[in-house]
Amino acid sequence: MTIVQIHEHAVPATSDRISLREFLDLTGMTEDALMELVRLDWIVPARTAREEFLFVDMDVFRVRKYRRLCSDFELSPVAGIIIVDLLERIAQLEERLARIG
């Protein structure tokens, strides 16, 4: 019987991060519009050693909600950010209430 050892280093680690191109494809954002959200510190991507942006999955959902609200209600970027933040806060409070009661 032969035993094969697989070293942890041999297999690339999976990542929960998304590249800029993937993020733009998943959200439908333009790069300029996304960079505005980054400049406003609403979306805070990680950076690779090559200074490339990496985003998290959760930001995809936030940006989709943001785009939908801004489009449906003709909101400015700052107004869209405020509303998404408030909706997230309400959801967190509802979850806390559900655990209490």
C-alpha atoms as a PDB file:
ATOM      1  CA  MET A   1       0.000   0.000   0.000  1.00  0.00           C
ATOM      2  CA  THR A   2       1.383   3.377  -0.997  1.00  0.00           C
ATOM      3  CA  ILE A   3       0.599   6.453   1.051  1.00  0.00           C
ATOM      4  CA  VAL A   4       0.550   9.738  -0.807  1.00  0.00           C
ATOM      5  CA  GLN A   5       1.130  12.864   1.176  1.00  0.00           C
ATOM      6  CA  ILE A   6      -0.319  16.080  -0.053  1.00  0.00           C
ATOM      7  CA  HIS A   7       1.393  19.132   1.274  1.00  0.00           C
ATOM      8  CA  GLU A   8      -0.701  22.126   2.109  1.00  0.00           C
ATOM      9  CA  HIS A   9       1.497  24.304  -0.117  1.00  0.00           C
ATOM     10  CA  ALA A  10       0.817  22.216  -3.222  1.00  0.00           C
ATOM     11  CA  VAL A  11      -2.817  23.246  -3.573  1.00  0.00           C
ATOM     12  CA  PRO A  12      -3.717  26.885  -4.156  1.00  0.00           C
ATOM     13  CA  ALA A  13      -5.907  28.299  -1.438  1.00  0.00           C
ATOM     14  CA  THR A  14      -9.381  29.377  -2.389  1.00  0.00           C
ATOM     15  CA  SER A  15     -10.193  33.008  -1.916  1.00  0.00           C
ATOM     16  CA  ASP A  16     -13.345  34.828  -0.940  1.00  0.00           C
ATOM     17  CA  ARG A  17     -12.034  37.873  -2.805  1.00  0.00           C
ATOM     18  CA  ILE A  18     -13.197  39.038  -6.237  1.00  0.00           C
ATOM     19  CA  SER A  19     -11.093  40.837  -8.830  1.00  0.00           C
ATOM     20  CA  LEU A  20     -12.061  44.266 -10.142  1.00  0.00           C
ATOM     21  CA  ARG A  21     -13.172  42.852 -13.510  1.00  0.00           C
ATOM     22  CA  GLU A  22     -15.305  40.151 -11.858  1.00  0.00           C
ATOM     23  CA  PHE A  23     -16.817  42.709  -9.501  1.00  0.00           C
ATOM     24  CA  LEU A  24     -17.758  45.017 -12.365  1.00  0.00           C
ATOM     25  CA  ASP A  25     -19.302  42.083 -14.266  1.00  0.00           C
ATOM     26  CA  LEU A  26     -21.299  40.939 -11.223  1.00  0.00           C
ATOM     27  CA  THR A  27     -22.591  44.391 -10.318  1.00  0.00           C
ATOM     28  CA  GLY A  28     -22.959  46.101 -13.678  1.00  0.00           C
ATOM     29  CA  MET A  29     -21.029  49.096 -12.354  1.00  0.00           C
ATOM     30  CA  THR A  30     -18.695  51.150 -14.464  1.00  0.00           C
ATOM     31  CA  GLU A  31     -15.156  51.392 -13.188  1.00  0.00           C
ATOM     32  CA  ASP A  32     -15.522  55.159 -12.675  1.00  0.00           C
ATOM     33  CA  ALA A  33     -18.713  54.746 -10.619  1.00  0.00           C
ATOM     34  CA  LEU A  34     -17.104  52.038  -8.497  1.00  0.00           C
ATOM     35  CA  MET A  35     -13.997  54.137  -7.929  1.00  0.00           C
ATOM     36  CA  GLU A  36     -16.255  56.923  -6.649  1.00  0.00           C
ATOM     37  CA  LEU A  37     -17.642  54.519  -4.025  1.00  0.00           C
ATOM     38  CA  VAL A  38     -14.068  53.528  -3.132  1.00  0.00           C
ATOM     39  CA  ARG A  39     -13.044  57.201  -2.829  1.00  0.00           C
ATOM     40  CA  LEU A  40     -16.019  57.752  -0.520  1.00  0.00           C
ATOM     41  CA  ASP A  41     -14.749  54.791   1.605  1.00  0.00           C
ATOM     42  CA  TRP A  42     -18.089  53.015   1.273  1.00  0.00           C
ATOM     43  CA  ILE A  43     -16.448  50.112  -0.499  1.00  0.00           C
ATOM     44  CA  VAL A  44     -13.013  49.313   0.909  1.00  0.00           C
ATOM     45  CA  PRO A  45     -11.243  46.732  -1.229  1.00  0.00           C
ATOM     46  CA  ALA A  46      -8.073  44.919  -0.261  1.00  0.00           C
ATOM     47  CA  ARG A  47      -5.042  45.415  -2.475  1.00  0.00           C
ATOM     48  CA  THR A  48      -2.651  42.888  -3.907  1.00  0.00           C
ATOM     49  CA  ALA A  49       1.103  43.345  -4.008  1.00  0.00           C
ATOM     50  CA  ARG A  50       0.576  44.737  -7.518  1.00  0.00           C
ATOM     51  CA  GLU A  51      -1.914  47.311  -6.150  1.00  0.00           C
ATOM     52  CA  GLU A  52      -4.875  45.534  -7.777  1.00  0.00           C
ATOM     53  CA  PHE A  53      -8.204  45.750  -5.971  1.00  0.00           C
ATOM     54  CA  LEU A  54      -9.859  42.684  -4.434  1.00  0.00           C
ATOM     55  CA  PHE A  55     -13.465  42.883  -3.255  1.00  0.00           C
ATOM     56  CA  VAL A  56     -15.553  40.686  -0.929  1.00  0.00           C
ATOM     57  CA  ASP A  57     -18.765  38.895  -1.886  1.00  0.00           C
ATOM     58  CA  MET A  58     -20.862  40.976   0.476  1.00  0.00           C
ATOM     59  CA  ASP A  59     -19.931  44.128  -1.411  1.00  0.00           C
ATOM     60  CA  VAL A  60     -21.542  42.672  -4.557  1.00  0.00           C
ATOM     61  CA  PHE A  61     -24.916  42.539  -2.797  1.00  0.00           C
ATOM     62  CA  ARG A  62     -24.481  46.004  -1.289  1.00  0.00           C
ATOM     63  CA  VAL A  63     -23.588  47.552  -4.644  1.00  0.00           C
ATOM     64  CA  ARG A  64     -26.470  45.811  -6.428  1.00  0.00           C
ATOM     65  CA  LYS A  65     -28.871  47.213  -3.834  1.00  0.00           C
ATOM     66  CA  TYR A  66     -27.235  50.623  -4.153  1.00  0.00           C
ATOM     67  CA  ARG A  67     -27.558  50.617  -7.954  1.00  0.00           C
ATOM     68  CA  ARG A  68     -31.188  49.526  -7.813  1.00  0.00           C
ATOM     69  CA  LEU A  69     -32.106  52.261  -5.320  1.00  0.00           C
ATOM     70  CA  CYS A  70     -30.214  54.989  -7.185  1.00  0.00           C
ATOM     71  CA  SER A  71     -31.808  53.941 -10.457  1.00  0.00           C
ATOM     72  CA  ASP A  72     -35.368  53.491  -9.175  1.00  0.00           C
ATOM     73  CA  PHE A  73     -35.430  56.715  -7.166  1.00  0.00           C
ATOM     74  CA  GLU A  74     -32.919  58.817  -9.139  1.00  0.00           C
ATOM     75  CA  LEU A  75     -30.722  59.262  -6.071  1.00  0.00           C
ATOM     76  CA  SER A  76     -27.311  60.835  -5.829  1.00  0.00           C
ATOM     77  CA  PRO A  77     -24.474  58.470  -4.904  1.00  0.00           C
ATOM     78  CA  VAL A  78     -24.323  59.803  -1.327  1.00  0.00           C
ATOM     79  CA  ALA A  79     -28.090  59.415  -0.862  1.00  0.00           C
ATOM     80  CA  GLY A  80     -27.894  55.829  -2.175  1.00  0.00           C
ATOM     81  CA  ILE A  81     -25.087  55.045   0.259  1.00  0.00           C
ATOM     82  CA  ILE A  82     -27.030  56.471   3.199  1.00  0.00           C
ATOM     83  CA  ILE A  83     -30.147  54.465   2.343  1.00  0.00           C
ATOM     84  CA  VAL A  84     -28.275  51.174   1.890  1.00  0.00           C
ATOM     85  CA  ASP A  85     -26.468  51.756   5.200  1.00  0.00           C
ATOM     86  CA  LEU A  86     -29.787  52.458   6.945  1.00  0.00           C
ATOM     87  CA  LEU A  87     -31.408  49.354   5.431  1.00  0.00           C
ATOM     88  CA  GLU A  88     -28.470  47.241   6.621  1.00  0.00           C
ATOM     89  CA  ARG A  89     -28.736  48.742  10.099  1.00  0.00           C
ATOM     90  CA  ILE A  90     -32.478  47.993  10.223  1.00  0.00           C
ATOM     91  CA  ALA A  91     -31.814  44.380   9.185  1.00  0.00           C
ATOM     92  CA  GLN A  92     -29.186  44.015  11.939  1.00  0.00           C
ATOM     93  CA  LEU A  93     -31.560  45.431  14.553  1.00  0.00           C
ATOM     94  CA  GLU A  94     -34.360  43.115  13.399  1.00  0.00           C
ATOM     95  CA  GLU A  95     -32.015  40.136  13.746  1.00  0.00           C
ATOM     96  CA  ARG A  96     -31.074  41.207  17.267  1.00  0.00           C
ATOM     97  CA  LEU A  97     -34.730  41.617  18.218  1.00  0.00           C
ATOM     98  CA  ALA A  98     -35.541  38.184  16.829  1.00  0.00           C
ATOM     99  CA  ARG A  99     -32.802  36.626  18.994  1.00  0.00           C
ATOM    100  CA  ILE A 100     -34.067  38.437  22.078  1.00  0.00           C
ATOM    101  CA  GLY A 101     -37.727  37.620  21.590  1.00  0.00           C
END
